[in-house]
């Protein structure tokens, strides 16, 4: 559904109630009675999962699953699938500048990218009461999956030109992929760039943020926005992340949001950062509630903070824990309303 997304962000950043947008799509498989392998290989199944979660929980937006294997698979990387766990890349495909130079940029629709565009089209068509966000990997994280994370960390120091050559290709593909989500009707994308959390601020700028900015500049406008996700140690990377122009930043539980929020301009939404595995999946409802209320109290001075999980919540996360997250927010918002009455 066509909507003004900059107005949506402004409303989030100035509203009287704290907003919530957790990454909880994978647990929707339970509600939709699907296996993980179904929702990552079948667009209709993924849509059913997104629809089920959207019907059950009043999130600020509907969000597609975060699957960081899709784009690398389109380039030719091998993928290991499971009925109960998220897909993972099982090997890298480029080892030299010659292999990088001969690497073909795949068209959107290759491998499972078409599955995700189909899910985006269905979600955008049938979920009309909130924005719908697609999801793509970031340029540096994709390059790391194609070449190997250890290998790219060495290469960016010893052979930076080869890394830039690879990043040029990953970015070109991701621009096309982001434009396909926009054409499918989504209201924005979340760019997952976790590998950039391993970099120094200067490296993050050169090998990640400058390339993310190319994607942002190609797609972001009043009706389609970008949220940049980095679940690494980003305390010293906020300035670089902001330089991408992304209108929202999403942080993982590796950081203390009290140290992040003073760095965020009031017009930029910052999302975070309840531990998706340790608390949401493996904790109790009481632990979820306690952690959520603590975070919300810490974030009271920052109206542009949006409650979320630190990353995509794993498959198998108990639904009662998700309900506890939402109930904690409802109770917090009600207490704030009473206090201001």
Protein backbone atom coordinates (compact mmCIF):
# COMPACT_ATOMS: atom_id res chain seq x y z
CA UNK A 1 0.00 0.00 0.00
CA UNK A 2 1.35 3.41 -1.03
CA UNK A 3 2.03 5.63 2.00
CA UNK A 4 4.27 8.49 3.08
CA UNK A 5 7.02 6.69 4.96
CA UNK A 6 8.88 9.77 6.10
CA UNK A 7 5.65 10.82 7.77
CA UNK A 8 5.47 7.34 9.32
CA UNK A 9 8.95 7.78 10.77
CA UNK A 10 8.08 11.26 12.03
CA UNK A 11 5.01 9.88 13.77
CA UNK A 12 7.09 7.17 15.43
CA UNK A 13 9.66 9.70 16.59
CA UNK A 14 7.09 12.15 17.98
CA UNK A 15 4.25 9.93 19.18
CA UNK A 16 3.04 9.84 22.78
CA UNK A 17 3.23 6.03 22.86
CA UNK A 18 6.39 3.98 22.45
CA UNK A 19 6.29 2.01 19.18
CA UNK A 20 7.33 -1.60 18.66
CA UNK A 21 8.71 -3.40 15.60
CA UNK A 22 10.42 -6.66 16.59
CA UNK A 23 11.90 -9.03 14.02
CA UNK A 24 9.68 -12.00 14.77
CA UNK A 25 8.71 -13.42 11.39
CA UNK A 26 10.36 -16.83 11.75
CA UNK A 27 8.21 -17.72 14.81
CA UNK A 28 5.23 -17.06 12.59
CA UNK A 29 5.93 -20.44 11.04
CA UNK A 30 4.28 -21.95 14.11
CA UNK A 31 1.15 -19.89 13.59
CA UNK A 32 1.04 -20.63 9.87
CA UNK A 33 1.83 -24.32 10.47
CA UNK A 34 4.85 -24.16 8.17
CA UNK A 35 8.40 -25.45 8.42
CA UNK A 36 11.34 -23.06 8.09
CA UNK A 37 12.35 -24.70 4.82
CA UNK A 38 8.85 -23.95 3.48
CA UNK A 39 9.01 -20.22 4.16
CA UNK A 40 12.50 -19.74 2.72
CA UNK A 41 11.73 -21.67 -0.47
CA UNK A 42 8.10 -20.77 -1.19
CA UNK A 43 6.82 -17.22 -1.55
CA UNK A 44 3.22 -18.05 -0.67
CA UNK A 45 4.30 -19.93 2.45
CA UNK A 46 6.44 -16.99 3.56
CA UNK A 47 3.54 -14.62 3.00
CA UNK A 48 1.29 -16.85 5.13
CA UNK A 49 3.92 -16.63 7.87
CA UNK A 50 4.12 -12.82 7.64
CA UNK A 51 0.33 -12.53 7.59
CA UNK A 52 -0.04 -14.78 10.64
CA UNK A 53 2.44 -12.75 12.69
CA UNK A 54 0.83 -9.48 11.57
CA UNK A 55 -2.59 -10.74 12.61
CA UNK A 56 -1.36 -11.93 16.00
CA UNK A 57 0.83 -8.97 17.00
CA UNK A 58 0.24 -5.25 16.53
CA UNK A 59 3.66 -4.27 15.24
CA UNK A 60 4.37 -0.90 13.65
CA UNK A 61 5.22 -2.73 10.41
CA UNK A 62 5.17 -6.17 8.82
CA UNK A 63 8.70 -7.45 8.20
CA UNK A 64 9.86 -10.25 5.94
CA UNK A 65 12.24 -12.92 7.24
CA UNK A 66 15.94 -12.11 7.49
CA UNK A 67 17.71 -14.71 5.37
CA UNK A 68 21.34 -13.84 4.71
CA UNK A 69 21.88 -16.75 2.32
CA UNK A 70 19.57 -15.64 -0.49
CA UNK A 71 21.79 -13.18 -2.31
CA UNK A 72 24.97 -15.26 -2.04
CA UNK A 73 23.07 -18.26 -3.40
CA UNK A 74 22.03 -16.14 -6.39
CA UNK A 75 25.73 -15.57 -7.12
CA UNK A 76 26.32 -19.33 -6.94
CA UNK A 77 27.25 -20.02 -3.32
CA UNK A 78 26.19 -23.40 -1.88
CA UNK A 79 23.49 -23.31 0.81
CA UNK A 80 22.68 -25.78 3.57
CA UNK A 81 18.97 -26.00 4.39
CA UNK A 82 17.13 -27.32 7.44
CA UNK A 83 13.50 -27.89 8.28
CA UNK A 84 13.91 -26.08 11.60
CA UNK A 85 16.85 -23.66 11.26
CA UNK A 86 17.65 -20.73 8.99
CA UNK A 87 19.67 -21.48 5.82
CA UNK A 88 23.44 -20.96 5.93
CA UNK A 89 26.11 -20.52 3.26
CA UNK A 90 28.32 -23.63 3.32
CA UNK A 91 31.26 -22.48 1.17
CA UNK A 92 32.76 -19.47 -0.60
CA UNK A 93 33.16 -19.11 -4.35
CA UNK A 94 35.78 -16.41 -5.02
CA UNK A 95 39.42 -16.68 -3.98
CA UNK A 96 41.30 -14.26 -6.26
CA UNK A 97 40.95 -11.04 -8.19
CA UNK A 98 40.61 -13.08 -11.40
CA UNK A 99 37.62 -14.92 -9.95
CA UNK A 100 36.15 -11.63 -8.76
CA UNK A 101 36.57 -10.08 -12.21
CA UNK A 102 34.88 -13.07 -13.86
CA UNK A 103 32.03 -13.17 -11.33
CA UNK A 104 28.69 -12.58 -13.05
CA UNK A 105 26.15 -10.29 -11.43
CA UNK A 106 22.93 -12.36 -11.42
CA UNK A 107 19.59 -10.92 -12.49
CA UNK A 108 16.93 -10.55 -9.81
CA UNK A 109 14.84 -13.71 -9.87
CA UNK A 110 17.86 -16.01 -9.85
CA UNK A 111 17.70 -18.87 -7.32
CA UNK A 112 15.41 -17.90 -4.42
CA UNK A 113 15.40 -14.13 -4.95
CA UNK A 114 12.19 -14.60 -6.92
CA UNK A 115 10.64 -16.35 -3.91
CA UNK A 116 11.27 -13.30 -1.73
CA UNK A 117 9.94 -10.88 -4.32
CA UNK A 118 6.79 -13.00 -4.62
CA UNK A 119 6.33 -12.94 -0.82
CA UNK A 120 6.84 -9.16 -0.89
CA UNK A 121 4.21 -8.72 -3.59
CA UNK A 122 1.66 -10.79 -1.67
CA UNK A 123 2.39 -9.07 1.65
CA UNK A 124 2.18 -5.62 0.06
CA UNK A 125 -1.12 -6.50 -1.59
CA UNK A 126 -2.90 -8.06 1.37
CA UNK A 127 -1.42 -6.35 4.46
CA UNK A 128 -2.79 -2.82 4.28
CA UNK A 129 -3.00 -1.69 7.90
CA UNK A 130 0.75 -1.10 8.35
CA UNK A 131 3.89 -0.71 6.23
CA UNK A 132 5.62 -3.78 4.80
CA UNK A 133 9.42 -4.08 4.82
CA UNK A 134 11.45 -6.33 2.61
CA UNK A 135 14.92 -7.43 3.61
CA UNK A 136 18.29 -7.65 1.89
CA UNK A 137 21.85 -8.31 3.01
CA UNK A 138 24.41 -5.49 3.03
CA UNK A 139 27.19 -5.16 0.42
CA UNK A 140 30.09 -6.03 2.75
CA UNK A 141 28.28 -8.94 4.42
CA UNK A 142 27.44 -10.35 0.99
CA UNK A 143 31.05 -9.95 -0.14
CA UNK A 144 32.15 -11.83 2.97
CA UNK A 145 29.84 -14.72 2.18
CA UNK A 146 31.16 -14.93 -1.36
CA UNK A 147 34.85 -14.81 -0.41
CA UNK A 148 34.88 -16.07 3.20
CA UNK A 149 34.82 -13.82 6.26
CA UNK A 150 38.36 -14.55 7.42
CA UNK A 151 39.64 -14.11 3.88
CA UNK A 152 37.97 -10.74 3.32
CA UNK A 153 39.23 -9.40 6.66
CA UNK A 154 42.78 -10.14 5.50
CA UNK A 155 42.16 -8.89 1.97
CA UNK A 156 40.85 -5.48 3.01
CA UNK A 157 44.25 -4.82 4.60
CA UNK A 158 46.51 -6.49 2.03
CA UNK A 159 44.48 -6.31 -1.21
CA UNK A 160 41.88 -3.55 -0.73
CA UNK A 161 41.43 -3.07 -4.48
CA UNK A 162 40.17 -6.64 -4.83
CA UNK A 163 37.65 -6.06 -2.03
CA UNK A 164 36.43 -2.89 -3.72
CA UNK A 165 36.07 -4.79 -6.99
CA UNK A 166 33.90 -7.38 -5.25
CA UNK A 167 31.90 -4.71 -3.43
CA UNK A 168 31.15 -2.98 -6.72
CA UNK A 169 29.49 -6.17 -7.94
CA UNK A 170 27.60 -6.97 -4.74
CA UNK A 171 26.33 -3.39 -4.55
CA UNK A 172 25.18 -3.37 -8.17
CA UNK A 173 23.16 -6.52 -7.54
CA UNK A 174 21.72 -5.23 -4.26
CA UNK A 175 20.56 -2.01 -5.91
CA UNK A 176 18.64 -4.10 -8.46
CA UNK A 177 17.25 -6.32 -5.69
CA UNK A 178 16.18 -3.33 -3.58
CA UNK A 179 14.48 -1.77 -6.60
CA UNK A 180 12.61 -5.06 -7.15
CA UNK A 181 11.25 -4.89 -3.58
CA UNK A 182 10.19 -1.31 -4.25
CA UNK A 183 8.45 -2.32 -7.47
CA UNK A 184 6.76 -5.20 -5.59
CA UNK A 185 5.00 -2.64 -3.43
CA UNK A 186 6.89 -2.74 -0.15
CA UNK A 187 7.29 0.48 1.81
CA UNK A 188 10.97 -0.03 2.55
CA UNK A 189 13.76 -2.48 3.20
CA UNK A 190 15.91 -3.48 6.12
CA UNK A 191 19.53 -3.86 5.03
CA UNK A 192 21.31 -6.40 7.24
CA UNK A 193 25.03 -5.58 7.39
CA UNK A 194 26.25 -7.54 10.45
CA UNK A 195 29.76 -8.23 9.12
CA UNK A 196 30.50 -4.49 9.24
CA UNK A 197 30.38 -4.77 13.02
CA UNK A 198 33.79 -6.44 12.82
CA UNK A 199 35.40 -3.36 11.24
CA UNK A 200 37.06 -0.25 12.62
CA UNK A 201 35.21 3.03 12.01
CA UNK A 202 37.45 3.92 9.05
CA UNK A 203 37.12 0.44 7.56
CA UNK A 204 33.36 0.47 8.10
CA UNK A 205 33.12 3.74 6.22
CA UNK A 206 35.29 2.61 3.30
CA UNK A 207 34.12 -0.97 2.86
CA UNK A 208 30.52 -0.84 4.09
CA UNK A 209 28.82 2.52 4.62
CA UNK A 210 29.97 4.12 1.38
CA UNK A 211 28.48 1.18 -0.52
CA UNK A 212 25.30 1.02 1.59
CA UNK A 213 24.82 4.70 0.74
CA UNK A 214 24.75 3.79 -2.96
CA UNK A 215 21.82 1.47 -2.28
CA UNK A 216 20.05 4.05 -0.10
CA UNK A 217 20.51 6.79 -2.69
CA UNK A 218 19.07 4.51 -5.38
CA UNK A 219 15.81 3.68 -3.60
CA UNK A 220 14.97 5.89 -0.63
CA UNK A 221 12.35 8.59 -1.07
CA UNK A 222 9.22 9.85 0.68
CA UNK A 223 7.40 6.56 0.05
CA UNK A 224 10.21 4.00 0.44
CA UNK A 225 12.74 4.07 3.26
CA UNK A 226 15.80 2.14 4.37
CA UNK A 227 16.56 0.84 7.85
CA UNK A 228 20.19 -0.24 8.30
CA UNK A 229 20.71 -3.19 10.66
CA UNK A 230 24.05 -4.04 12.25
CA UNK A 231 24.02 -6.45 15.18
CA UNK A 232 27.76 -6.17 15.81
CA UNK A 233 29.67 -3.96 18.23
CA UNK A 234 28.50 -0.69 16.71
CA UNK A 235 29.08 1.79 19.53
CA UNK A 236 31.90 3.46 17.56
CA UNK A 237 30.24 2.93 14.17
CA UNK A 238 27.10 5.05 14.62
CA UNK A 239 28.55 8.05 12.77
CA UNK A 240 29.45 5.82 9.84
CA UNK A 241 26.02 4.18 9.84
CA UNK A 242 24.34 7.59 9.83
CA UNK A 243 26.43 8.64 6.83
CA UNK A 244 24.54 6.11 4.69
CA UNK A 245 21.46 8.32 4.80
CA UNK A 246 19.30 5.49 6.12
CA UNK A 247 16.30 7.00 7.88
CA UNK A 248 16.36 4.26 10.54
CA UNK A 249 19.12 2.31 12.28
CA UNK A 250 18.61 -1.09 13.91
CA UNK A 251 20.98 -2.30 16.64
CA UNK A 252 21.79 -5.71 18.08
CA UNK A 253 22.08 -6.71 21.71
CA UNK A 254 25.88 -6.53 21.56
CA UNK A 255 25.60 -2.83 22.42
CA UNK A 256 24.21 -0.77 25.29
CA UNK A 257 21.46 1.43 23.86
CA UNK A 258 22.22 4.05 26.53
CA UNK A 259 25.52 4.62 24.70
CA UNK A 260 23.92 4.51 21.26
CA UNK A 261 20.95 6.86 21.61
CA UNK A 262 22.86 10.07 22.44
CA UNK A 263 24.52 9.67 19.02
CA UNK A 264 21.22 9.43 17.10
CA UNK A 265 19.58 12.60 15.69
CA UNK A 266 15.99 13.10 16.80
CA UNK A 267 14.65 12.62 13.26
CA UNK A 268 16.29 9.21 12.83
CA UNK A 269 14.50 6.20 14.31
CA UNK A 270 16.67 3.78 16.30
CA UNK A 271 15.45 0.21 16.79
CA UNK A 272 16.68 -2.30 19.38
CA UNK A 273 17.67 -4.47 21.10
CA UNK A 274 16.23 -7.33 23.23
CA UNK A 275 18.44 -10.44 22.90
CA UNK A 276 16.65 -12.62 20.29
CA UNK A 277 18.27 -15.92 21.30
CA UNK A 278 19.25 -15.63 24.96
CA UNK A 279 16.08 -13.87 26.08
CA UNK A 280 13.37 -14.20 23.43
CA UNK A 281 13.98 -17.85 22.55
CA UNK A 282 15.63 -19.29 25.65
CA UNK A 283 14.33 -17.02 28.40
CA UNK A 284 11.06 -17.19 30.33
CA UNK A 285 8.15 -14.78 29.89
CA UNK A 286 9.13 -13.17 33.19
CA UNK A 287 12.68 -12.65 31.94
CA UNK A 288 11.39 -11.15 28.70
CA UNK A 289 9.18 -8.78 30.66
CA UNK A 290 11.94 -7.73 33.05
CA UNK A 291 14.47 -7.06 30.29
CA UNK A 292 11.91 -5.18 28.23
CA UNK A 293 10.78 -2.93 31.04
CA UNK A 294 14.38 -2.17 32.00
CA UNK A 295 15.19 -1.18 28.43
CA UNK A 296 12.06 0.94 28.07
CA UNK A 297 12.82 2.81 31.29
CA UNK A 298 16.37 3.48 30.09
CA UNK A 299 15.03 4.77 26.78
CA UNK A 300 12.45 7.17 28.26
CA UNK A 301 14.43 10.29 27.26
CA UNK A 302 14.54 9.24 23.60
CA UNK A 303 11.26 9.54 21.71
CA UNK A 304 12.88 8.22 18.53
CA UNK A 305 13.63 4.85 20.13
CA UNK A 306 11.54 1.93 18.83
CA UNK A 307 11.37 -1.31 20.81
CA UNK A 308 12.66 -4.29 18.82
CA UNK A 309 14.66 -7.45 19.07
CA UNK A 310 18.40 -7.20 18.49
CA UNK A 311 18.18 -9.37 15.38
CA UNK A 312 15.77 -11.76 13.72
CA UNK A 313 14.17 -13.93 16.40
CA UNK A 314 15.10 -17.58 15.83
CA UNK A 315 12.64 -20.22 14.68
CA UNK A 316 11.08 -22.00 17.62
CA UNK A 317 10.89 -18.92 19.84
CA UNK A 318 7.96 -19.49 22.24
CA UNK A 319 4.97 -17.39 21.30
CA UNK A 320 4.32 -16.69 25.00
CA UNK A 321 7.64 -14.86 25.09
CA UNK A 322 6.57 -12.65 22.19
CA UNK A 323 3.29 -11.95 23.99
CA UNK A 324 5.32 -11.02 27.09
CA UNK A 325 7.31 -8.51 25.03
CA UNK A 326 4.15 -6.82 23.81
CA UNK A 327 2.46 -6.93 27.22
CA UNK A 328 5.46 -5.26 28.83
CA UNK A 329 5.24 -2.46 26.27
CA UNK A 330 1.49 -2.06 26.78
CA UNK A 331 1.97 -1.82 30.54
CA UNK A 332 4.80 0.69 30.12
CA UNK A 333 2.76 2.86 27.77
CA UNK A 334 -0.24 2.77 30.11
CA UNK A 335 1.94 3.76 33.08
CA UNK A 336 3.36 6.66 31.08
CA UNK A 337 -0.16 7.77 30.14
CA UNK A 338 -1.30 7.67 33.76
CA UNK A 339 1.77 9.59 34.91
CA UNK A 340 1.14 12.39 32.44
CA UNK A 341 -2.62 12.61 33.08
